[in-house]
Amino acid sequence: MMIDDDIRTVYADLPLRIHAFTVRNDDYYTIVLNEKLSHAMLMNSYRHEVRHIVTGDFDSESSADMIEIIRHMKGA
């Protein structure tokens, strides 16, 4: 079960094409958000990254590219 303490969020100066990404650490995840995005885009990007965590994408044997294709097809 995931709780708030399992996710850290930071902002970074990223290229505009990268909205966010997540890194799994030993006992928590770090979501890195692009500080250049609007509030609405930040919220959408955050929700997208949390879905990766909740649905177990970090334990998947699929490539990151395939996972992203699947997530975007499902509208997540």
C-alpha atoms as a PDB file:
ATOM      1  CA  MET A   1       0.000   0.000   0.000  1.00  0.00           C
ATOM      2  CA  MET A   2       1.367   3.378  -1.011  1.00  0.00           C
ATOM      3  CA  ILE A   3       1.216   6.321   1.375  1.00  0.00           C
ATOM      4  CA  ASP A   4       2.227   9.968   0.973  1.00  0.00           C
ATOM      5  CA  ASP A   5       5.629   9.296   2.551  1.00  0.00           C
ATOM      6  CA  ASP A   6       6.417   6.939  -0.333  1.00  0.00           C
ATOM      7  CA  ILE A   7       6.588   9.779  -2.875  1.00  0.00           C
ATOM      8  CA  ARG A   8       8.931  12.773  -2.931  1.00  0.00           C
ATOM      9  CA  THR A   9       8.318  15.541  -5.450  1.00  0.00           C
ATOM     10  CA  VAL A  10      10.921  17.945  -6.807  1.00  0.00           C
ATOM     11  CA  TYR A  11      10.947  20.563  -9.546  1.00  0.00           C
ATOM     12  CA  ALA A  12      13.718  20.816 -12.116  1.00  0.00           C
ATOM     13  CA  ASP A  13      14.647  22.930 -15.114  1.00  0.00           C
ATOM     14  CA  LEU A  14      13.953  20.357 -17.847  1.00  0.00           C
ATOM     15  CA  PRO A  15      13.551  20.675 -21.615  1.00  0.00           C
ATOM     16  CA  LEU A  16       9.918  21.482 -22.463  1.00  0.00           C
ATOM     17  CA  ARG A  17       9.474  18.132 -24.191  1.00  0.00           C
ATOM     18  CA  ILE A  18       9.969  16.396 -20.824  1.00  0.00           C
ATOM     19  CA  HIS A  19       7.033  17.073 -18.535  1.00  0.00           C
ATOM     20  CA  ALA A  20       8.044  14.744 -15.706  1.00  0.00           C
ATOM     21  CA  PHE A  21       9.729  11.497 -14.819  1.00  0.00           C
ATOM     22  CA  THR A  22       9.935   9.219 -11.802  1.00  0.00           C
ATOM     23  CA  VAL A  23      12.861   7.475 -10.163  1.00  0.00           C
ATOM     24  CA  ARG A  24      12.419   4.552  -7.801  1.00  0.00           C
ATOM     25  CA  ASN A  25      14.701   4.624  -4.793  1.00  0.00           C
ATOM     26  CA  ASP A  26      15.041   1.886  -2.168  1.00  0.00           C
ATOM     27  CA  ASP A  27      11.909   2.716  -0.184  1.00  0.00           C
ATOM     28  CA  TYR A  28      10.299   5.643  -1.992  1.00  0.00           C
ATOM     29  CA  TYR A  29       9.763   7.246  -5.398  1.00  0.00           C
ATOM     30  CA  THR A  30      10.905  10.670  -6.549  1.00  0.00           C
ATOM     31  CA  ILE A  31       8.727  12.447  -9.091  1.00  0.00           C
ATOM     32  CA  VAL A  32      10.623  15.147 -10.962  1.00  0.00           C
ATOM     33  CA  LEU A  33       8.374  17.809 -12.487  1.00  0.00           C
ATOM     34  CA  ASN A  34       9.350  20.374 -15.102  1.00  0.00           C
ATOM     35  CA  GLU A  35       9.269  23.767 -13.378  1.00  0.00           C
ATOM     36  CA  LYS A  36       8.431  25.483 -16.682  1.00  0.00           C
ATOM     37  CA  LEU A  37       4.947  23.912 -16.927  1.00  0.00           C
ATOM     38  CA  SER A  38       1.665  25.580 -16.074  1.00  0.00           C
ATOM     39  CA  HIS A  39      -0.128  24.515 -12.911  1.00  0.00           C
ATOM     40  CA  ALA A  40      -2.636  22.445 -14.917  1.00  0.00           C
ATOM     41  CA  MET A  41       0.137  20.667 -16.821  1.00  0.00           C
ATOM     42  CA  LEU A  42       2.027  20.037 -13.572  1.00  0.00           C
ATOM     43  CA  MET A  43      -1.042  18.425 -12.024  1.00  0.00           C
ATOM     44  CA  ASN A  44      -1.644  16.241 -15.100  1.00  0.00           C
ATOM     45  CA  SER A  45       2.005  15.216 -15.191  1.00  0.00           C
ATOM     46  CA  TYR A  46       2.001  14.412 -11.471  1.00  0.00           C
ATOM     47  CA  ARG A  47      -1.131  12.254 -11.808  1.00  0.00           C
ATOM     48  CA  HIS A  48       0.427  10.464 -14.788  1.00  0.00           C
ATOM     49  CA  GLU A  49       3.565   9.651 -12.801  1.00  0.00           C
ATOM     50  CA  VAL A  50       1.560   8.465  -9.783  1.00  0.00           C
ATOM     51  CA  ARG A  51      -0.350   6.085 -12.079  1.00  0.00           C
ATOM     52  CA  HIS A  52       2.974   4.550 -13.107  1.00  0.00           C
ATOM     53  CA  ILE A  53       3.715   3.917  -9.434  1.00  0.00           C
ATOM     54  CA  VAL A  54       0.264   2.640  -8.451  1.00  0.00           C
ATOM     55  CA  THR A  55      -0.083   0.301 -11.431  1.00  0.00           C
ATOM     56  CA  GLY A  56       3.315  -1.300 -10.818  1.00  0.00           C
ATOM     57  CA  ASP A  57       5.017  -0.097 -13.984  1.00  0.00           C
ATOM     58  CA  PHE A  58       8.390  -0.113 -12.217  1.00  0.00           C
ATOM     59  CA  ASP A  59       8.092  -3.875 -11.804  1.00  0.00           C
ATOM     60  CA  SER A  60       7.118  -4.440 -15.443  1.00  0.00           C
ATOM     61  CA  GLU A  61       9.415  -6.203 -17.859  1.00  0.00           C
ATOM     62  CA  SER A  62       8.140  -3.961 -20.686  1.00  0.00           C
ATOM     63  CA  SER A  63      10.319  -1.143 -21.946  1.00  0.00           C
ATOM     64  CA  ALA A  64       9.643   2.396 -20.746  1.00  0.00           C
ATOM     65  CA  ASP A  65       8.633   3.312 -24.315  1.00  0.00           C
ATOM     66  CA  MET A  66       6.040   0.509 -24.416  1.00  0.00           C
ATOM     67  CA  ILE A  67       4.673   1.457 -20.996  1.00  0.00           C
ATOM     68  CA  GLU A  68       4.250   5.070 -22.147  1.00  0.00           C
ATOM     69  CA  ILE A  69       2.441   3.951 -25.307  1.00  0.00           C
ATOM     70  CA  ILE A  70       0.053   1.847 -23.226  1.00  0.00           C
ATOM     71  CA  ARG A  71      -0.529   4.628 -20.660  1.00  0.00           C
ATOM     72  CA  HIS A  72      -1.297   7.193 -23.357  1.00  0.00           C
ATOM     73  CA  MET A  73      -3.635   4.794 -25.189  1.00  0.00           C
ATOM     74  CA  LYS A  74      -5.571   4.356 -21.941  1.00  0.00           C
ATOM     75  CA  GLY A  75      -5.629   8.114 -21.406  1.00  0.00           C
ATOM     76  CA  ALA A  76      -3.593   7.814 -18.225  1.00  0.00           C
END
